[in-house]
């Protein structure tokens, strides 16, 4: 938004966050359903000085590994004209069991 000042970001972190979580749409058919959480990214390439304003972006997901334990993918974001804006390579989501979450929560008390 032009009303939000640039806080020295080329691409705002919330756009990166939204990009990596788009892969969640590929997990709807998991049977039984389970949670996978973000576990890291191998490489970030920012090809544009800033994200286009008032323009749609195109997200391309390339899933390179999909197992019951983890999902690895590359996501690329392009302008409407097809110019690369940013790419996140080797993004990893790993399976987390409810017991692991409960154990982690208990450790923080």
N, C-alpha and C. Protein backbone atom coordinates (compact mmCIF):
# COMPACT_ATOMS: atom_id res chain seq x y z
N UNK A 1 0.84 -1.18 0.00
CA UNK A 1 0.00 0.00 0.00
C UNK A 1 0.89 1.24 0.00
N UNK A 2 0.57 2.26 -0.78
CA UNK A 2 1.36 3.49 -0.79
C UNK A 2 1.28 4.23 0.54
N UNK A 3 0.29 3.91 1.38
CA UNK A 3 0.14 4.59 2.67
C UNK A 3 1.03 4.01 3.76
N UNK A 4 1.64 2.85 3.49
CA UNK A 4 2.50 2.20 4.48
C UNK A 4 3.94 2.50 4.14
N UNK A 5 4.69 3.10 5.06
CA UNK A 5 6.07 3.46 4.76
C UNK A 5 6.95 2.22 4.59
N UNK A 6 7.92 2.32 3.71
CA UNK A 6 8.89 1.26 3.51
C UNK A 6 9.83 1.29 4.71
N UNK A 7 9.88 0.21 5.45
CA UNK A 7 10.73 0.12 6.63
C UNK A 7 12.07 -0.54 6.28
N UNK A 8 12.64 -0.14 5.14
CA UNK A 8 13.93 -0.65 4.67
C UNK A 8 13.86 -2.09 4.18
N UNK A 9 12.68 -2.56 3.81
CA UNK A 9 12.54 -3.89 3.25
C UNK A 9 12.50 -3.78 1.73
N UNK A 10 13.18 -4.70 1.04
CA UNK A 10 12.97 -4.83 -0.41
C UNK A 10 11.60 -5.46 -0.63
N UNK A 11 11.39 -6.58 0.06
CA UNK A 11 10.11 -7.28 0.05
C UNK A 11 9.72 -7.45 1.51
N UNK A 12 8.54 -7.02 1.88
CA UNK A 12 8.12 -7.09 3.27
C UNK A 12 8.05 -8.55 3.73
N UNK A 13 8.49 -8.83 4.95
CA UNK A 13 8.46 -10.21 5.45
C UNK A 13 7.09 -10.88 5.38
N UNK A 14 6.01 -10.12 5.51
CA UNK A 14 4.68 -10.73 5.44
C UNK A 14 4.40 -11.31 4.05
N UNK A 15 5.01 -10.72 3.01
CA UNK A 15 4.84 -11.29 1.67
C UNK A 15 5.58 -12.62 1.55
N UNK A 16 6.77 -12.70 2.15
CA UNK A 16 7.48 -13.98 2.17
C UNK A 16 6.67 -15.02 2.94
N UNK A 17 6.15 -14.61 4.08
CA UNK A 17 5.36 -15.51 4.93
C UNK A 17 4.16 -16.05 4.17
N UNK A 18 3.45 -15.17 3.51
CA UNK A 18 2.29 -15.60 2.72
C UNK A 18 2.69 -16.53 1.59
N UNK A 19 3.83 -16.28 1.00
CA UNK A 19 4.32 -17.10 -0.10
C UNK A 19 4.56 -18.53 0.35
N UNK A 20 5.28 -18.70 1.46
CA UNK A 20 5.59 -20.06 1.87
C UNK A 20 4.36 -20.81 2.36
N UNK A 21 3.39 -20.09 2.91
CA UNK A 21 2.21 -20.78 3.42
C UNK A 21 1.18 -21.09 2.34
N UNK A 22 1.40 -20.63 1.13
CA UNK A 22 0.51 -21.01 0.02
C UNK A 22 0.57 -22.51 -0.22
N UNK A 23 1.67 -23.13 0.14
CA UNK A 23 1.81 -24.57 -0.06
C UNK A 23 0.82 -25.35 0.82
N UNK A 24 0.30 -24.74 1.86
CA UNK A 24 -0.67 -25.42 2.72
C UNK A 24 -1.89 -25.90 1.93
N UNK A 25 -2.20 -25.22 0.86
CA UNK A 25 -3.33 -25.63 0.03
C UNK A 25 -3.10 -27.00 -0.61
N UNK A 26 -1.84 -27.42 -0.70
CA UNK A 26 -1.55 -28.73 -1.29
C UNK A 26 -1.68 -29.85 -0.26
N UNK A 27 -1.97 -29.54 0.99
CA UNK A 27 -2.01 -30.54 2.06
C UNK A 27 -3.43 -30.94 2.46
N UNK A 28 -4.45 -30.41 1.80
CA UNK A 28 -5.82 -30.67 2.22
C UNK A 28 -6.22 -32.14 2.13
N UNK A 29 -5.64 -32.88 1.21
CA UNK A 29 -6.07 -34.26 1.01
C UNK A 29 -5.26 -35.27 1.82
N UNK A 30 -4.51 -34.81 2.82
CA UNK A 30 -3.74 -35.72 3.66
C UNK A 30 -4.69 -36.58 4.48
N UNK A 31 -4.47 -37.87 4.48
CA UNK A 31 -5.33 -38.77 5.25
C UNK A 31 -4.45 -39.73 6.03
N UNK A 32 -4.43 -39.69 7.33
CA UNK A 32 -5.16 -38.74 8.17
C UNK A 32 -4.50 -37.37 8.15
N UNK A 33 -5.27 -36.32 8.44
CA UNK A 33 -4.69 -34.98 8.43
C UNK A 33 -3.65 -34.82 9.54
N UNK A 34 -2.61 -34.06 9.28
CA UNK A 34 -1.60 -33.77 10.28
C UNK A 34 -1.00 -32.42 9.98
N UNK A 35 -0.27 -31.90 10.94
CA UNK A 35 0.30 -30.57 10.85
C UNK A 35 1.73 -30.64 10.34
N UNK A 36 2.05 -29.79 9.38
CA UNK A 36 3.43 -29.58 8.96
C UNK A 36 3.74 -28.11 9.21
N UNK A 37 4.90 -27.86 9.80
CA UNK A 37 5.28 -26.49 10.10
C UNK A 37 6.54 -26.10 9.34
N UNK A 38 6.71 -24.82 9.16
CA UNK A 38 7.87 -24.27 8.47
C UNK A 38 9.14 -24.65 9.23
N UNK A 39 10.13 -25.19 8.49
CA UNK A 39 11.37 -25.62 9.13
C UNK A 39 12.61 -24.96 8.53
N UNK A 40 12.43 -24.11 7.52
CA UNK A 40 13.59 -23.41 6.97
C UNK A 40 13.50 -23.19 5.48
N UNK A 41 14.43 -22.39 4.99
CA UNK A 41 14.53 -22.11 3.56
C UNK A 41 16.01 -22.14 3.18
N UNK A 42 16.30 -22.73 2.03
CA UNK A 42 17.68 -22.86 1.60
C UNK A 42 18.28 -21.59 1.04
N UNK A 43 17.54 -20.92 0.18
CA UNK A 43 18.09 -19.73 -0.49
C UNK A 43 16.95 -18.78 -0.85
N UNK A 44 17.21 -17.49 -0.67
CA UNK A 44 16.26 -16.45 -1.05
C UNK A 44 16.91 -15.58 -2.12
N UNK A 45 16.20 -15.38 -3.23
CA UNK A 45 16.65 -14.48 -4.28
C UNK A 45 15.63 -13.39 -4.45
N UNK A 46 16.05 -12.14 -4.30
CA UNK A 46 15.16 -11.00 -4.53
C UNK A 46 15.65 -10.34 -5.81
N UNK A 47 14.81 -10.39 -6.86
CA UNK A 47 15.20 -9.90 -8.18
C UNK A 47 14.68 -8.50 -8.48
N UNK A 48 13.79 -7.99 -7.64
CA UNK A 48 13.21 -6.66 -7.87
C UNK A 48 13.48 -5.78 -6.66
N UNK A 49 13.57 -4.49 -6.89
CA UNK A 49 13.83 -3.56 -5.79
C UNK A 49 12.65 -3.47 -4.83
N UNK A 50 11.43 -3.70 -5.35
CA UNK A 50 10.25 -3.71 -4.51
C UNK A 50 9.14 -4.47 -5.21
N UNK A 51 8.15 -4.89 -4.44
CA UNK A 51 7.01 -5.58 -5.03
C UNK A 51 6.14 -4.58 -5.78
N UNK A 52 5.58 -4.97 -6.93
CA UNK A 52 4.71 -4.05 -7.67
C UNK A 52 3.48 -3.68 -6.84
N UNK A 53 3.05 -2.45 -6.98
CA UNK A 53 1.84 -1.99 -6.28
C UNK A 53 0.69 -1.96 -7.27
N UNK A 54 -0.50 -2.26 -6.77
CA UNK A 54 -1.72 -2.25 -7.58
C UNK A 54 -1.61 -3.19 -8.78
N UNK A 55 -0.97 -4.32 -8.55
CA UNK A 55 -0.79 -5.30 -9.62
C UNK A 55 -0.87 -6.69 -8.99
N UNK A 56 -1.50 -7.61 -9.69
CA UNK A 56 -1.54 -8.98 -9.21
C UNK A 56 -0.16 -9.62 -9.32
N UNK A 57 0.10 -10.56 -8.45
CA UNK A 57 1.33 -11.33 -8.49
C UNK A 57 0.99 -12.77 -8.86
N UNK A 58 1.91 -13.46 -9.48
CA UNK A 58 1.72 -14.85 -9.87
C UNK A 58 2.67 -15.70 -9.03
N UNK A 59 2.12 -16.70 -8.35
CA UNK A 59 2.91 -17.59 -7.52
C UNK A 59 3.03 -18.94 -8.20
N UNK A 60 4.26 -19.44 -8.33
CA UNK A 60 4.50 -20.74 -8.92
C UNK A 60 5.18 -21.61 -7.87
N UNK A 61 4.55 -22.75 -7.54
CA UNK A 61 5.12 -23.70 -6.59
C UNK A 61 5.66 -24.90 -7.35
N UNK A 62 6.88 -25.29 -7.04
CA UNK A 62 7.49 -26.48 -7.61
C UNK A 62 7.85 -27.40 -6.44
N UNK A 63 7.03 -28.41 -6.22
CA UNK A 63 7.24 -29.33 -5.10
C UNK A 63 8.27 -30.38 -5.53
N UNK A 64 9.37 -30.46 -4.78
CA UNK A 64 10.44 -31.39 -5.13
C UNK A 64 10.45 -32.63 -4.26
N UNK A 65 9.82 -32.56 -3.09
CA UNK A 65 9.70 -33.73 -2.22
C UNK A 65 8.41 -33.64 -1.46
N UNK A 66 7.67 -34.74 -1.44
CA UNK A 66 6.41 -34.79 -0.71
C UNK A 66 6.30 -36.16 -0.07
N UNK A 67 6.59 -36.23 1.22
CA UNK A 67 6.49 -37.50 1.96
C UNK A 67 5.57 -37.27 3.14
N UNK A 68 5.32 -38.32 3.90
CA UNK A 68 4.48 -38.13 5.08
C UNK A 68 5.23 -37.37 6.17
N UNK A 69 6.56 -37.25 6.07
CA UNK A 69 7.35 -36.56 7.08
C UNK A 69 7.68 -35.10 6.74
N UNK A 70 7.84 -34.81 5.45
CA UNK A 70 8.20 -33.45 5.09
C UNK A 70 7.81 -33.13 3.66
N UNK A 71 7.83 -31.85 3.38
CA UNK A 71 7.54 -31.33 2.05
C UNK A 71 8.60 -30.28 1.74
N UNK A 72 9.24 -30.41 0.57
CA UNK A 72 10.25 -29.44 0.15
C UNK A 72 9.81 -28.88 -1.19
N UNK A 73 9.93 -27.57 -1.33
CA UNK A 73 9.49 -26.93 -2.57
C UNK A 73 10.24 -25.64 -2.81
N UNK A 74 10.14 -25.16 -4.04
CA UNK A 74 10.63 -23.85 -4.42
C UNK A 74 9.41 -23.04 -4.83
N UNK A 75 9.34 -21.80 -4.39
CA UNK A 75 8.25 -20.94 -4.82
C UNK A 75 8.84 -19.68 -5.45
N UNK A 76 8.28 -19.34 -6.59
CA UNK A 76 8.73 -18.16 -7.33
C UNK A 76 7.54 -17.24 -7.49
N UNK A 77 7.78 -15.95 -7.33
CA UNK A 77 6.73 -14.94 -7.47
C UNK A 77 7.11 -14.03 -8.63
N UNK A 78 6.15 -13.84 -9.54
CA UNK A 78 6.35 -13.06 -10.76
C UNK A 78 5.36 -11.91 -10.82
N UNK A 79 5.73 -10.87 -11.55
CA UNK A 79 4.79 -9.78 -11.84
C UNK A 79 3.80 -10.25 -12.89
N UNK A 80 2.76 -9.46 -13.13
CA UNK A 80 1.80 -9.79 -14.19
C UNK A 80 2.49 -9.91 -15.54
N UNK A 81 3.56 -9.16 -15.75
CA UNK A 81 4.29 -9.18 -17.02
C UNK A 81 5.25 -10.36 -17.13
N UNK A 82 5.40 -11.13 -16.03
CA UNK A 82 6.25 -12.30 -16.07
C UNK A 82 7.66 -12.11 -15.53
N UNK A 83 7.96 -10.96 -14.96
CA UNK A 83 9.29 -10.71 -14.40
C UNK A 83 9.39 -11.34 -13.01
N UNK A 84 10.48 -12.03 -12.74
CA UNK A 84 10.70 -12.62 -11.42
C UNK A 84 10.85 -11.49 -10.39
N UNK A 85 10.15 -11.63 -9.28
CA UNK A 85 10.26 -10.67 -8.19
C UNK A 85 11.08 -11.27 -7.05
N UNK A 86 10.71 -12.48 -6.62
CA UNK A 86 11.52 -13.20 -5.65
C UNK A 86 11.31 -14.69 -5.79
N UNK A 87 12.29 -15.43 -5.28
CA UNK A 87 12.24 -16.90 -5.30
C UNK A 87 12.78 -17.40 -3.96
N UNK A 88 12.06 -18.35 -3.39
CA UNK A 88 12.50 -19.04 -2.18
C UNK A 88 12.76 -20.49 -2.57
N UNK A 89 13.99 -20.95 -2.41
CA UNK A 89 14.37 -22.30 -2.83
C UNK A 89 14.53 -23.22 -1.62
N UNK A 90 14.16 -24.47 -1.84
CA UNK A 90 14.29 -25.50 -0.80
C UNK A 90 13.63 -25.11 0.50
N UNK A 91 12.38 -24.68 0.40
CA UNK A 91 11.57 -24.38 1.58
C UNK A 91 11.12 -25.72 2.16
N UNK A 92 11.27 -25.88 3.47
CA UNK A 92 10.94 -27.15 4.11
C UNK A 92 9.81 -26.97 5.11
N UNK A 93 8.82 -27.85 5.02
CA UNK A 93 7.79 -28.00 6.03
C UNK A 93 7.93 -29.41 6.57
N UNK A 94 7.95 -29.57 7.89
CA UNK A 94 8.10 -30.90 8.50
C UNK A 94 6.88 -31.23 9.35
N UNK A 95 6.60 -32.52 9.40
CA UNK A 95 5.48 -33.03 10.18
C UNK A 95 5.73 -32.82 11.67
N UNK A 96 4.69 -32.42 12.36
CA UNK A 96 4.73 -32.24 13.81
C UNK A 96 3.53 -32.97 14.40
N UNK A 97 3.79 -33.77 15.40
CA UNK A 97 2.73 -34.51 16.08
C UNK A 97 2.18 -33.69 17.25
N UNK A 98 0.91 -33.89 17.59
CA UNK A 98 0.34 -33.16 18.73
C UNK A 98 1.15 -33.35 20.02
N UNK A 99 1.71 -34.54 20.22
CA UNK A 99 2.50 -34.80 21.42
C UNK A 99 3.75 -33.90 21.46
N UNK A 100 4.34 -33.65 20.29
CA UNK A 100 5.52 -32.79 20.23
C UNK A 100 5.16 -31.36 20.62
N UNK A 101 4.01 -30.91 20.18
CA UNK A 101 3.56 -29.55 20.51
C UNK A 101 3.30 -29.44 22.00
N UNK A 102 2.60 -30.44 22.57
CA UNK A 102 2.31 -30.43 24.00
C UNK A 102 3.60 -30.45 24.83
N UNK A 103 4.58 -31.24 24.39
CA UNK A 103 5.86 -31.32 25.12
C UNK A 103 6.57 -29.96 25.07
N UNK A 104 6.55 -29.32 23.91
CA UNK A 104 7.20 -28.01 23.77
C UNK A 104 6.51 -26.96 24.64
N UNK A 105 5.19 -26.99 24.67
CA UNK A 105 4.43 -26.05 25.50
C UNK A 105 4.73 -26.26 26.98
N UNK A 106 4.81 -27.53 27.41
CA UNK A 106 5.09 -27.83 28.80
C UNK A 106 6.49 -27.35 29.20
N UNK A 107 7.42 -27.40 28.27
CA UNK A 107 8.80 -26.99 28.56
C UNK A 107 8.91 -25.49 28.76
N UNK A 108 7.95 -24.73 28.27
CA UNK A 108 8.02 -23.26 28.41
C UNK A 108 7.39 -22.77 29.71
N UNK A 109 6.77 -23.67 30.46
CA UNK A 109 6.09 -23.26 31.70
C UNK A 109 7.04 -23.29 32.88
